[in-house]
């Protein structure tokens, strides 16, 4: 039997389940399970749960937005590299076309001279 693996959050954060699991784990560390309001306060526990759920949702959104922005940055960088490559090829083709046009013009001039 292999030793238990250490849990890492790096790969798990890529799915919504990973975000929720991480937020729940964070909530479990910060929430003791006891409501902070007095026991006689009606709905005190429900308010705590709503607040905790709101905080958890905020953390999920922050994590997701960071992940999404990182992916966008990666994709934009890859796109920029490809775009620069296309521009370089385009410039090379334009230079070749200009060279071909000059060569064609020179040949036409010589043909004109030969005909006369």
PDB file of N, CA and C in Angstrom:
ATOM      1  N   UNK A   1       0.854  -1.181   0.000  1.00  0.00           N
ATOM      2  CA  UNK A   1       0.000   0.000   0.000  1.00  0.00           C
ATOM      3  C   UNK A   1       0.894   1.235   0.000  1.00  0.00           C
ATOM      4  N   UNK A   2       0.605   2.194  -0.856  1.00  0.00           N
ATOM      5  CA  UNK A   2       1.415   3.408  -0.954  1.00  0.00           C
ATOM      6  C   UNK A   2       1.050   4.374   0.168  1.00  0.00           C
ATOM      7  N   UNK A   3       1.987   5.222   0.560  1.00  0.00           N
ATOM      8  CA  UNK A   3       1.691   6.200   1.618  1.00  0.00           C
ATOM      9  C   UNK A   3       0.669   7.203   1.128  1.00  0.00           C
ATOM     10  N   UNK A   4      -0.117   7.772   2.045  1.00  0.00           N
ATOM     11  CA  UNK A   4      -1.136   8.747   1.630  1.00  0.00           C
ATOM     12  C   UNK A   4      -0.484   9.971   1.013  1.00  0.00           C
ATOM     13  N   UNK A   5      -1.090  10.467  -0.048  1.00  0.00           N
ATOM     14  CA  UNK A   5      -0.575  11.650  -0.738  1.00  0.00           C
ATOM     15  C   UNK A   5      -0.965  12.907   0.019  1.00  0.00           C
ATOM     16  N   UNK A   6      -0.065  13.872  -0.024  1.00  0.00           N
ATOM     17  CA  UNK A   6      -0.406  15.177   0.538  1.00  0.00           C
ATOM     18  C   UNK A   6      -1.390  15.839  -0.402  1.00  0.00           C
ATOM     19  N   UNK A   7      -2.395  16.447   0.154  1.00  0.00           N
ATOM     20  CA  UNK A   7      -3.376  17.102  -0.713  1.00  0.00           C
ATOM     21  C   UNK A   7      -2.846  18.458  -1.135  1.00  0.00           C
ATOM     22  N   UNK A   8      -2.944  18.697  -2.421  1.00  0.00           N
ATOM     23  CA  UNK A   8      -2.553  20.002  -2.948  1.00  0.00           C
ATOM     24  C   UNK A   8      -3.773  20.642  -3.559  1.00  0.00           C
ATOM     25  N   UNK A   9      -3.838  21.929  -3.464  1.00  0.00           N
ATOM     26  CA  UNK A   9      -4.987  22.653  -3.989  1.00  0.00           C
ATOM     27  C   UNK A   9      -4.741  23.172  -5.392  1.00  0.00           C
ATOM     28  N   UNK A  10      -3.528  23.020  -5.918  1.00  0.00           N
ATOM     29  CA  UNK A  10      -3.200  23.609  -7.218  1.00  0.00           C
ATOM     30  C   UNK A  10      -4.088  23.071  -8.327  1.00  0.00           C
ATOM     31  N   UNK A  11      -4.186  21.763  -8.461  1.00  0.00           N
ATOM     32  CA  UNK A  11      -5.007  21.191  -9.514  1.00  0.00           C
ATOM     33  C   UNK A  11      -6.481  21.235  -9.201  1.00  0.00           C
ATOM     34  N   UNK A  12      -6.793  21.214  -7.928  1.00  0.00           N
ATOM     35  CA  UNK A  12      -8.192  21.161  -7.511  1.00  0.00           C
ATOM     36  C   UNK A  12      -8.902  22.482  -7.769  1.00  0.00           C
ATOM     37  N   UNK A  13      -8.176  23.584  -7.774  1.00  0.00           N
ATOM     38  CA  UNK A  13      -8.797  24.897  -7.952  1.00  0.00           C
ATOM     39  C   UNK A  13      -9.351  25.111  -9.346  1.00  0.00           C
ATOM     40  N   UNK A  14      -9.088  24.214 -10.266  1.00  0.00           N
ATOM     41  CA  UNK A  14      -9.498  24.429 -11.642  1.00  0.00           C
ATOM     42  C   UNK A  14     -10.963  24.092 -11.881  1.00  0.00           C
ATOM     43  N   UNK A  15     -11.633  23.514 -10.912  1.00  0.00           N
ATOM     44  CA  UNK A  15     -13.047  23.187 -11.075  1.00  0.00           C
ATOM     45  C   UNK A  15     -13.857  23.883 -10.001  1.00  0.00           C
ATOM     46  N   UNK A  16     -15.141  24.028 -10.258  1.00  0.00           N
ATOM     47  CA  UNK A  16     -16.014  24.668  -9.274  1.00  0.00           C
ATOM     48  C   UNK A  16     -16.048  23.852  -7.995  1.00  0.00           C
ATOM     49  N   UNK A  17     -15.977  22.510  -8.111  1.00  0.00           N
ATOM     50  CA  UNK A  17     -15.934  21.670  -6.912  1.00  0.00           C
ATOM     51  C   UNK A  17     -14.698  21.990  -6.083  1.00  0.00           C
ATOM     52  N   UNK A  18     -13.585  22.247  -6.775  1.00  0.00           N
ATOM     53  CA  UNK A  18     -12.364  22.617  -6.068  1.00  0.00           C
ATOM     54  C   UNK A  18     -12.517  23.931  -5.333  1.00  0.00           C
ATOM     55  N   UNK A  19     -13.161  24.898  -5.970  1.00  0.00           N
ATOM     56  CA  UNK A  19     -13.377  26.185  -5.318  1.00  0.00           C
ATOM     57  C   UNK A  19     -14.252  26.016  -4.081  1.00  0.00           C
ATOM     58  N   UNK A  20     -15.331  25.265  -4.239  1.00  0.00           N
ATOM     59  CA  UNK A  20     -16.251  25.074  -3.115  1.00  0.00           C
ATOM     60  C   UNK A  20     -15.563  24.296  -2.008  1.00  0.00           C
ATOM     61  N   UNK A  21     -14.814  23.250  -2.381  1.00  0.00           N
ATOM     62  CA  UNK A  21     -14.097  22.467  -1.377  1.00  0.00           C
ATOM     63  C   UNK A  21     -13.098  23.315  -0.619  1.00  0.00           C
ATOM     64  N   UNK A  22     -12.360  24.155  -1.337  1.00  0.00           N
ATOM     65  CA  UNK A  22     -11.390  25.031  -0.675  1.00  0.00           C
ATOM     66  C   UNK A  22     -12.082  26.041   0.222  1.00  0.00           C
ATOM     67  N   UNK A  23     -13.187  26.594  -0.252  1.00  0.00           N
ATOM     68  CA  UNK A  23     -13.914  27.569   0.558  1.00  0.00           C
ATOM     69  C   UNK A  23     -14.494  26.896   1.789  1.00  0.00           C
ATOM     70  N   UNK A  24     -15.009  25.686   1.643  1.00  0.00           N
ATOM     71  CA  UNK A  24     -15.538  24.958   2.793  1.00  0.00           C
ATOM     72  C   UNK A  24     -14.438  24.650   3.788  1.00  0.00           C
ATOM     73  N   UNK A  25     -13.271  24.256   3.283  1.00  0.00           N
ATOM     74  CA  UNK A  25     -12.149  23.971   4.168  1.00  0.00           C
ATOM     75  C   UNK A  25     -11.732  25.239   4.903  1.00  0.00           C
ATOM     76  N   UNK A  26     -11.706  26.353   4.196  1.00  0.00           N
ATOM     77  CA  UNK A  26     -11.373  27.627   4.837  1.00  0.00           C
ATOM     78  C   UNK A  26     -12.416  28.018   5.859  1.00  0.00           C
ATOM     79  N   UNK A  27     -13.678  27.778   5.527  1.00  0.00           N
ATOM     80  CA  UNK A  27     -14.756  28.094   6.462  1.00  0.00           C
ATOM     81  C   UNK A  27     -14.710  27.213   7.686  1.00  0.00           C
ATOM     82  N   UNK A  28     -14.313  25.952   7.516  1.00  0.00           N
ATOM     83  CA  UNK A  28     -14.232  25.042   8.655  1.00  0.00           C
ATOM     84  C   UNK A  28     -13.123  25.471   9.596  1.00  0.00           C
ATOM     85  N   UNK A  29     -12.063  26.044   9.070  1.00  0.00           N
ATOM     86  CA  UNK A  29     -10.972  26.499   9.932  1.00  0.00           C
ATOM     87  C   UNK A  29     -11.349  27.750  10.710  1.00  0.00           C
ATOM     88  N   UNK A  30     -12.177  28.594  10.110  1.00  0.00           N
ATOM     89  CA  UNK A  30     -12.486  29.858  10.764  1.00  0.00           C
ATOM     90  C   UNK A  30     -13.784  29.820  11.543  1.00  0.00           C
ATOM     91  N   UNK A  31     -14.605  28.813  11.321  1.00  0.00           N
ATOM     92  CA  UNK A  31     -15.908  28.743  11.965  1.00  0.00           C
ATOM     93  C   UNK A  31     -15.905  27.585  12.947  1.00  0.00           C
ATOM     94  N   UNK A  32     -16.168  27.856  14.198  1.00  0.00           N
ATOM     95  CA  UNK A  32     -16.081  26.824  15.220  1.00  0.00           C
ATOM     96  C   UNK A  32     -17.317  25.959  15.297  1.00  0.00           C
ATOM     97  N   UNK A  33     -18.389  26.345  14.651  1.00  0.00           N
ATOM     98  CA  UNK A  33     -19.612  25.566  14.724  1.00  0.00           C
ATOM     99  C   UNK A  33     -20.584  26.133  15.736  1.00  0.00           C
ATOM    100  N   UNK A  34     -20.160  27.074  16.515  1.00  0.00           N
ATOM    101  CA  UNK A  34     -21.033  27.717  17.497  1.00  0.00           C
ATOM    102  C   UNK A  34     -21.459  29.064  16.960  1.00  0.00           C
ATOM    103  N   UNK A  35     -22.726  29.397  17.146  1.00  0.00           N
ATOM    104  CA  UNK A  35     -23.169  30.711  16.692  1.00  0.00           C
ATOM    105  C   UNK A  35     -22.625  31.767  17.627  1.00  0.00           C
ATOM    106  N   UNK A  36     -22.311  32.924  17.070  1.00  0.00           N
ATOM    107  CA  UNK A  36     -21.709  33.972  17.886  1.00  0.00           C
ATOM    108  C   UNK A  36     -22.755  34.750  18.661  1.00  0.00           C
ATOM    109  N   UNK A  37     -24.002  34.664  18.258  1.00  0.00           N
ATOM    110  CA  UNK A  37     -25.053  35.385  18.960  1.00  0.00           C
ATOM    111  C   UNK A  37     -25.512  34.624  20.184  1.00  0.00           C
ATOM    112  N   UNK A  38     -26.262  35.284  21.074  1.00  0.00           N
ATOM    113  CA  UNK A  38     -26.778  34.605  22.257  1.00  0.00           C
ATOM    114  C   UNK A  38     -27.767  33.514  21.857  1.00  0.00           C
ATOM    115  N   UNK A  39     -27.873  32.500  22.687  1.00  0.00           N
ATOM    116  CA  UNK A  39     -28.744  31.365  22.394  1.00  0.00           C
ATOM    117  C   UNK A  39     -30.201  31.789  22.326  1.00  0.00           C
ATOM    118  N   UNK A  40     -30.560  32.845  23.035  1.00  0.00           N
ATOM    119  CA  UNK A  40     -31.954  33.278  23.039  1.00  0.00           C
ATOM    120  C   UNK A  40     -32.293  34.131  21.822  1.00  0.00           C
ATOM    121  N   UNK A  41     -31.283  34.550  21.072  1.00  0.00           N
ATOM    122  CA  UNK A  41     -31.515  35.408  19.910  1.00  0.00           C
ATOM    123  C   UNK A  41     -32.138  34.581  18.785  1.00  0.00           C
ATOM    124  N   UNK A  42     -33.352  34.954  18.341  1.00  0.00           N
ATOM    125  CA  UNK A  42     -33.988  34.171  17.284  1.00  0.00           C
ATOM    126  C   UNK A  42     -33.288  34.391  15.943  1.00  0.00           C
ATOM    127  N   UNK A  43     -32.973  33.299  15.257  1.00  0.00           N
ATOM    128  CA  UNK A  43     -32.364  33.385  13.934  1.00  0.00           C
ATOM    129  C   UNK A  43     -30.902  33.775  13.952  1.00  0.00           C
ATOM    130  N   UNK A  44     -30.276  33.832  15.103  1.00  0.00           N
ATOM    131  CA  UNK A  44     -28.866  34.205  15.189  1.00  0.00           C
ATOM    132  C   UNK A  44     -27.985  33.231  14.448  1.00  0.00           C
ATOM    133  N   UNK A  45     -28.265  31.942  14.580  1.00  0.00           N
ATOM    134  CA  UNK A  45     -27.489  30.921  13.882  1.00  0.00           C
ATOM    135  C   UNK A  45     -27.696  30.996  12.383  1.00  0.00           C
ATOM    136  N   UNK A  46     -28.930  31.264  11.953  1.00  0.00           N
ATOM    137  CA  UNK A  46     -29.225  31.364  10.523  1.00  0.00           C
ATOM    138  C   UNK A  46     -28.498  32.558   9.909  1.00  0.00           C
ATOM    139  N   UNK A  47     -28.440  33.662  10.664  1.00  0.00           N
ATOM    140  CA  UNK A  47     -27.730  34.840  10.175  1.00  0.00           C
ATOM    141  C   UNK A  47     -26.242  34.541  10.034  1.00  0.00           C
ATOM    142  N   UNK A  48     -25.686  33.823  11.025  1.00  0.00           N
ATOM    143  CA  UNK A  48     -24.279  33.419  10.942  1.00  0.00           C
ATOM    144  C   UNK A  48     -24.035  32.553   9.715  1.00  0.00           C
ATOM    145  N   UNK A  49     -24.956  31.626   9.465  1.00  0.00           N
ATOM    146  CA  UNK A  49     -24.811  30.747   8.305  1.00  0.00           C
ATOM    147  C   UNK A  49     -24.874  31.550   7.008  1.00  0.00           C
ATOM    148  N   UNK A  50     -25.786  32.529   6.954  1.00  0.00           N
ATOM    149  CA  UNK A  50     -25.896  33.355   5.746  1.00  0.00           C
ATOM    150  C   UNK A  50     -24.634  34.184   5.547  1.00  0.00           C
ATOM    151  N   UNK A  51     -24.127  34.731   6.638  1.00  0.00           N
ATOM    152  CA  UNK A  51     -22.906  35.529   6.562  1.00  0.00           C
ATOM    153  C   UNK A  51     -21.739  34.657   6.120  1.00  0.00           C
ATOM    154  N   UNK A  52     -21.647  33.466   6.710  1.00  0.00           N
ATOM    155  CA  UNK A  52     -20.571  32.545   6.346  1.00  0.00           C
ATOM    156  C   UNK A  52     -20.706  32.124   4.880  1.00  0.00           C
ATOM    157  N   UNK A  53     -21.934  31.871   4.446  1.00  0.00           N
ATOM    158  CA  UNK A  53     -22.173  31.488   3.049  1.00  0.00           C
ATOM    159  C   UNK A  53     -21.796  32.638   2.115  1.00  0.00           C
ATOM    160  N   UNK A  54     -22.156  33.866   2.509  1.00  0.00           N
ATOM    161  CA  UNK A  54     -21.803  35.041   1.709  1.00  0.00           C
ATOM    162  C   UNK A  54     -20.286  35.176   1.609  1.00  0.00           C
ATOM    163  N   UNK A  55     -19.605  35.032   2.749  1.00  0.00           N
ATOM    164  CA  UNK A  55     -18.144  35.118   2.754  1.00  0.00           C
ATOM    165  C   UNK A  55     -17.529  34.021   1.890  1.00  0.00           C
ATOM    166  N   UNK A  56     -18.096  32.827   1.987  1.00  0.00           N
ATOM    167  CA  UNK A  56     -17.600  31.710   1.200  1.00  0.00           C
ATOM    168  C   UNK A  56     -17.789  31.995  -0.295  1.00  0.00           C
ATOM    169  N   UNK A  57     -18.945  32.526  -0.658  1.00  0.00           N
ATOM    170  CA  UNK A  57     -19.207  32.858  -2.063  1.00  0.00           C
ATOM    171  C   UNK A  57     -18.248  33.941  -2.561  1.00  0.00           C
ATOM    172  N   UNK A  58     -17.969  34.919  -1.709  1.00  0.00           N
ATOM    173  CA  UNK A  58     -17.006  35.960  -2.090  1.00  0.00           C
ATOM    174  C   UNK A  58     -15.633  35.354  -2.354  1.00  0.00           C
ATOM    175  N   UNK A  59     -15.212  34.445  -1.479  1.00  0.00           N
ATOM    176  CA  UNK A  59     -13.908  33.807  -1.656  1.00  0.00           C
ATOM    177  C   UNK A  59     -13.873  32.972  -2.928  1.00  0.00           C
ATOM    178  N   UNK A  60     -14.963  32.261  -3.204  1.00  0.00           N
ATOM    179  CA  UNK A  60     -15.040  31.462  -4.429  1.00  0.00           C
ATOM    180  C   UNK A  60     -14.918  32.380  -5.643  1.00  0.00           C
ATOM    181  N   UNK A  61     -15.652  33.478  -5.625  1.00  0.00           N
ATOM    182  CA  UNK A  61     -15.609  34.423  -6.754  1.00  0.00           C
ATOM    183  C   UNK A  61     -14.218  35.022  -6.927  1.00  0.00           C
ATOM    184  N   UNK A  62     -13.575  35.367  -5.825  1.00  0.00           N
ATOM    185  CA  UNK A  62     -12.217  35.914  -5.914  1.00  0.00           C
ATOM    186  C   UNK A  62     -11.268  34.888  -6.514  1.00  0.00           C
ATOM    187  N   UNK A  63     -11.348  33.656  -6.017  1.00  0.00           N
ATOM    188  CA  UNK A  63     -10.468  32.600  -6.527  1.00  0.00           C
ATOM    189  C   UNK A  63     -10.717  32.349  -8.005  1.00  0.00           C
ATOM    190  N   UNK A  64     -11.981  32.291  -8.378  1.00  0.00           N
ATOM    191  CA  UNK A  64     -12.317  32.034  -9.778  1.00  0.00           C
ATOM    192  C   UNK A  64     -11.865  33.186 -10.666  1.00  0.00           C
ATOM    193  N   UNK A  65     -12.058  34.412 -10.207  1.00  0.00           N
ATOM    194  CA  UNK A  65     -11.670  35.552 -11.041  1.00  0.00           C
ATOM    195  C   UNK A  65     -10.158  35.595 -11.229  1.00  0.00           C
ATOM    196  N   UNK A  66      -9.404  35.275 -10.182  1.00  0.00           N
ATOM    197  CA  UNK A  66      -7.949  35.239 -10.313  1.00  0.00           C
ATOM    198  C   UNK A  66      -7.547  34.163 -11.313  1.00  0.00           C
ATOM    199  N   UNK A  67      -8.150  32.998 -11.196  1.00  0.00           N
ATOM    200  CA  UNK A  67      -7.839  31.899 -12.108  1.00  0.00           C
ATOM    201  C   UNK A  67      -8.203  32.251 -13.546  1.00  0.00           C
ATOM    202  N   UNK A  68      -9.357  32.856 -13.732  1.00  0.00           N
ATOM    203  CA  UNK A  68      -9.807  33.238 -15.074  1.00  0.00           C
ATOM    204  C   UNK A  68      -8.873  34.288 -15.665  1.00  0.00           C
ATOM    205  N   UNK A  69      -8.492  35.273 -14.858  1.00  0.00           N
ATOM    206  CA  UNK A  69      -7.583  36.312 -15.349  1.00  0.00           C
ATOM    207  C   UNK A  69      -6.216  35.736 -15.707  1.00  0.00           C
ATOM    208  N   UNK A  70      -5.739  34.768 -14.911  1.00  0.00           N
ATOM    209  CA  UNK A  70      -4.465  34.130 -15.231  1.00  0.00           C
ATOM    210  C   UNK A  70      -4.553  33.403 -16.567  1.00  0.00           C
ATOM    211  N   UNK A  71      -5.654  32.680 -16.778  1.00  0.00           N
ATOM    212  CA  UNK A  71      -5.843  31.970 -18.051  1.00  0.00           C
ATOM    213  C   UNK A  71      -5.908  32.956 -19.214  1.00  0.00           C
ATOM    214  N   UNK A  72      -6.641  34.067 -19.022  1.00  0.00           N
ATOM    215  CA  UNK A  72      -6.728  35.077 -20.074  1.00  0.00           C
ATOM    216  C   UNK A  72      -5.358  35.650 -20.398  1.00  0.00           C
ATOM    217  N   UNK A  73      -4.564  35.912 -19.363  1.00  0.00           N
ATOM    218  CA  UNK A  73      -3.209  36.422 -19.589  1.00  0.00           C
ATOM    219  C   UNK A  73      -2.377  35.429 -20.392  1.00  0.00           C
ATOM    220  N   UNK A  74      -2.468  34.139 -20.018  1.00  0.00           N
ATOM    221  CA  UNK A  74      -1.714  33.113 -20.739  1.00  0.00           C
ATOM    222  C   UNK A  74      -2.143  33.053 -22.201  1.00  0.00           C
ATOM    223  N   UNK A  75      -3.450  33.049 -22.413  1.00  0.00           N
ATOM    224  CA  UNK A  75      -3.966  32.954 -23.782  1.00  0.00           C
ATOM    225  C   UNK A  75      -3.600  34.201 -24.588  1.00  0.00           C
ATOM    226  N   UNK A  76      -3.683  35.374 -23.952  1.00  0.00           N
ATOM    227  CA  UNK A  76      -3.336  36.606 -24.650  1.00  0.00           C
ATOM    228  C   UNK A  76      -1.862  36.601 -25.030  1.00  0.00           C
ATOM    229  N   UNK A  77      -1.008  36.153 -24.107  1.00  0.00           N
ATOM    230  CA  UNK A  77       0.424  36.086 -24.414  1.00  0.00           C
ATOM    231  C   UNK A  77       0.687  35.143 -25.586  1.00  0.00           C
ATOM    232  N   UNK A  78       0.027  33.988 -25.577  1.00  0.00           N
ATOM    233  CA  UNK A  78       0.197  33.034 -26.680  1.00  0.00           C
ATOM    234  C   UNK A  78      -0.308  33.638 -27.987  1.00  0.00           C
ATOM    235  N   UNK A  79      -1.446  34.327 -27.920  1.00  0.00           N
ATOM    236  CA  UNK A  79      -1.990  34.979 -29.113  1.00  0.00           C
ATOM    237  C   UNK A  79      -1.032  36.041 -29.625  1.00  0.00           C
ATOM    238  N   UNK A  80      -0.468  36.816 -28.720  1.00  0.00           N
ATOM    239  CA  UNK A  80       0.449  37.880 -29.121  1.00  0.00           C
ATOM    240  C   UNK A  80       1.677  37.310 -29.832  1.00  0.00           C
ATOM    241  N   UNK A  81       2.199  36.198 -29.323  1.00  0.00           N
ATOM    242  CA  UNK A  81       3.354  35.560 -29.962  1.00  0.00           C
ATOM    243  C   UNK A  81       2.985  35.102 -31.373  1.00  0.00           C
ATOM    244  N   UNK A  82       1.818  34.464 -31.503  1.00  0.00           N
ATOM    245  CA  UNK A  82       1.391  34.005 -32.832  1.00  0.00           C
ATOM    246  C   UNK A  82       1.149  35.185 -33.768  1.00  0.00           C
ATOM    247  N   UNK A  83       0.557  36.243 -33.245  1.00  0.00           N
ATOM    248  CA  UNK A  83       0.278  37.421 -34.063  1.00  0.00           C
ATOM    249  C   UNK A  83       1.573  38.054 -34.564  1.00  0.00           C
ATOM    250  N   UNK A  84       2.559  38.158 -33.685  1.00  0.00           N
ATOM    251  CA  UNK A  84       3.853  38.718 -34.094  1.00  0.00           C
ATOM    252  C   UNK A  84       4.498  37.844 -35.167  1.00  0.00           C
ATOM    253  N   UNK A  85       4.330  36.533 -35.036  1.00  0.00           N
ATOM    254  CA  UNK A  85       4.855  35.611 -36.043  1.00  0.00           C
ATOM    255  C   UNK A  85       4.168  35.835 -37.387  1.00  0.00           C
ATOM    256  N   UNK A  86       2.855  36.004 -37.362  1.00  0.00           N
ATOM    257  CA  UNK A  86       2.105  36.263 -38.596  1.00  0.00           C
ATOM    258  C   UNK A  86       2.551  37.584 -39.218  1.00  0.00           C
ATOM    259  N   UNK A  87       2.750  38.602 -38.386  1.00  0.00           N
ATOM    260  CA  UNK A  87       3.216  39.889 -38.912  1.00  0.00           C
ATOM    261  C   UNK A  87       4.589  39.763 -39.561  1.00  0.00           C
ATOM    262  N   UNK A  88       5.459  38.965 -38.962  1.00  0.00           N
ATOM    263  CA  UNK A  88       6.794  38.772 -39.532  1.00  0.00           C
ATOM    264  C   UNK A  88       6.700  38.068 -40.884  1.00  0.00           C
ATOM    265  N   UNK A  89       5.846  37.058 -40.967  1.00  0.00           N
ATOM    266  CA  UNK A  89       5.661  36.346 -42.239  1.00  0.00           C
ATOM    267  C   UNK A  89       5.072  37.285 -43.278  1.00  0.00           C
ATOM    268  N   UNK A  90       4.112  38.110 -42.864  1.00  0.00           N
ATOM    269  CA  UNK A  90       3.493  39.059 -43.788  1.00  0.00           C
ATOM    270  C   UNK A  90       4.540  40.039 -44.322  1.00  0.00           C
ATOM    271  N   UNK A  91       5.377  40.563 -43.442  1.00  0.00           N
ATOM    272  CA  UNK A  91       6.417  41.504 -43.870  1.00  0.00           C
ATOM    273  C   UNK A  91       7.378  40.821 -44.847  1.00  0.00           C
ATOM    274  N   UNK A  92       7.732  39.569 -44.552  1.00  0.00           N
ATOM    275  CA  UNK A  92       8.616  38.822 -45.446  1.00  0.00           C
ATOM    276  C   UNK A  92       7.973  38.641 -46.821  1.00  0.00           C
ATOM    277  N   UNK A  93       6.692  38.284 -46.834  1.00  0.00           N
ATOM    278  CA  UNK A  93       5.985  38.111 -48.111  1.00  0.00           C
ATOM    279  C   UNK A  93       5.895  39.421 -48.886  1.00  0.00           C
ATOM    280  N   UNK A  94       5.646  40.522 -48.179  1.00  0.00           N
ATOM    281  CA  UNK A  94       5.584  41.820 -48.857  1.00  0.00           C
ATOM    282  C   UNK A  94       6.936  42.173 -49.471  1.00  0.00           C
ATOM    283  N   UNK A  95       8.003  41.882 -48.742  1.00  0.00           N
ATOM    284  CA  UNK A  95       9.346  42.145 -49.284  1.00  0.00           C
ATOM    285  C   UNK A  95       9.619  41.286 -50.513  1.00  0.00           C
ATOM    286  N   UNK A  96       9.214  40.032 -50.455  1.00  0.00           N
ATOM    287  CA  UNK A  96       9.404  39.150 -51.611  1.00  0.00           C
ATOM    288  C   UNK A  96       8.596  39.638 -52.812  1.00  0.00           C
ATOM    289  N   UNK A  97       7.359  40.047 -52.545  1.00  0.00           N
ATOM    290  CA  UNK A  97       6.511  40.550 -53.634  1.00  0.00           C
ATOM    291  C   UNK A  97       7.120  41.797 -54.258  1.00  0.00           C
ATOM    292  N   UNK A  98       7.650  42.680 -53.421  1.00  0.00           N
ATOM    293  CA  UNK A  98       8.285  43.894 -53.944  1.00  0.00           C
ATOM    294  C   UNK A  98       9.499  43.521 -54.791  1.00  0.00           C
ATOM    295  N   UNK A  99      10.282  42.546 -54.320  1.00  0.00           N
ATOM    296  CA  UNK A  99      11.438  42.082 -55.089  1.00  0.00           C
ATOM    297  C   UNK A  99      11.016  41.465 -56.411  1.00  0.00           C
ATOM    298  N   UNK A 100       9.951  40.677 -56.381  1.00  0.00           N
ATOM    299  CA  UNK A 100       9.440  40.064 -57.616  1.00  0.00           C
ATOM    300  C   UNK A 100       8.943  41.132 -58.593  1.00  0.00           C
ATOM    301  N   UNK A 101       8.295  42.143 -58.045  1.00  0.00           N
ATOM    302  CA  UNK A 101       7.788  43.226 -58.904  1.00  0.00           C
ATOM    303  C   UNK A 101       8.945  43.970 -59.570  1.00  0.00           C
ATOM    304  N   UNK A 102      10.003  44.245 -58.806  1.00  0.00           N
ATOM    305  CA  UNK A 102      11.181  44.901 -59.387  1.00  0.00           C
ATOM    306  C   UNK A 102      11.815  44.029 -60.469  1.00  0.00           C
ATOM    307  N   UNK A 103      11.914  42.732 -60.199  1.00  0.00           N
ATOM    308  CA  UNK A 103      12.503  41.821 -61.188  1.00  0.00           C
ATOM    309  C   UNK A 103      11.638  41.756 -62.440  1.00  0.00           C
ATOM    310  N   UNK A 104      10.318  41.729 -62.266  1.00  0.00           N
ATOM    311  CA  UNK A 104       9.399  41.694 -63.411  1.00  0.00           C
ATOM    312  C   UNK A 104       9.530  42.967 -64.235  1.00  0.00           C
ATOM    313  N   UNK A 105       9.586  44.111 -63.564  1.00  0.00           N
ATOM    314  CA  UNK A 105       9.746  45.387 -64.278  1.00  0.00           C
ATOM    315  C   UNK A 105      11.059  45.421 -65.056  1.00  0.00           C
ATOM    316  N   UNK A 106      12.126  44.918 -64.441  1.00  0.00           N
ATOM    317  CA  UNK A 106      13.425  44.898 -65.122  1.00  0.00           C
ATOM    318  C   UNK A 106      13.371  43.998 -66.353  1.00  0.00           C
ATOM    319  N   UNK A 107      12.712  42.843 -66.223  1.00  0.00           N
ATOM    320  CA  UNK A 107      12.576  41.938 -67.375  1.00  0.00           C
ATOM    321  C   UNK A 107      11.749  42.566 -68.487  1.00  0.00           C
ATOM    322  N   UNK A 108      10.680  43.258 -68.118  1.00  0.00           N
ATOM    323  CA  UNK A 108       9.836  43.912 -69.128  1.00  0.00           C
ATOM    324  C   UNK A 108      10.620  44.989 -69.867  1.00  0.00           C
ATOM    325  N   UNK A 109      11.468  45.725 -69.140  1.00  0.00           N
ATOM    326  CA  UNK A 109      12.296  46.749 -69.786  1.00  0.00           C
ATOM    327  C   UNK A 109      13.263  46.109 -70.776  1.00  0.00           C
ATOM    328  N   UNK A 110      13.868  45.018 -70.381  1.00  0.00           N
ATOM    329  CA  UNK A 110      14.825  44.338 -71.267  1.00  0.00           C
ATOM    330  C   UNK A 110      14.122  43.779 -72.497  1.00  0.00           C
ATOM    331  N   UNK A 111      12.922  43.220 -72.275  1.00  0.00           N
ATOM    332  CA  UNK A 111      12.156  42.710 -73.417  1.00  0.00           C
ATOM    333  C   UNK A 111      11.808  43.846 -74.372  1.00  0.00           C
ATOM    334  N   UNK A 112      11.449  44.986 -73.808  1.00  0.00           N
ATOM    335  CA  UNK A 112      11.150  46.158 -74.639  1.00  0.00           C
ATOM    336  C   UNK A 112      12.358  46.592 -75.435  1.00  0.00           C
ATOM    337  N   UNK A 113      13.537  46.549 -74.813  1.00  0.00           N
ATOM    338  CA  UNK A 113      14.772  46.926 -75.506  1.00  0.00           C
ATOM    339  C   UNK A 113      15.103  45.928 -76.612  1.00  0.00           C
ATOM    340  N   UNK A 114      14.851  44.654 -76.344  1.00  0.00           N
ATOM    341  CA  UNK A 114      15.152  43.626 -77.349  1.00  0.00           C
ATOM    342  C   UNK A 114      14.230  43.731 -78.555  1.00  0.00           C
ATOM    343  N   UNK A 115      12.988  44.132 -78.336  1.00  0.00           N
ATOM    344  CA  UNK A 115      12.025  44.251 -79.436  1.00  0.00           C
ATOM    345  C   UNK A 115      12.353  45.436 -80.330  1.00  0.00           C
ATOM    346  N   UNK A 116      12.984  46.433 -79.785  1.00  0.00           N
ATOM    347  CA  UNK A 116      13.276  47.616 -80.606  1.00  0.00           C
ATOM    348  C   UNK A 116      14.608  47.576 -81.269  1.00  0.00           C
TER     349      UNK A 116
END
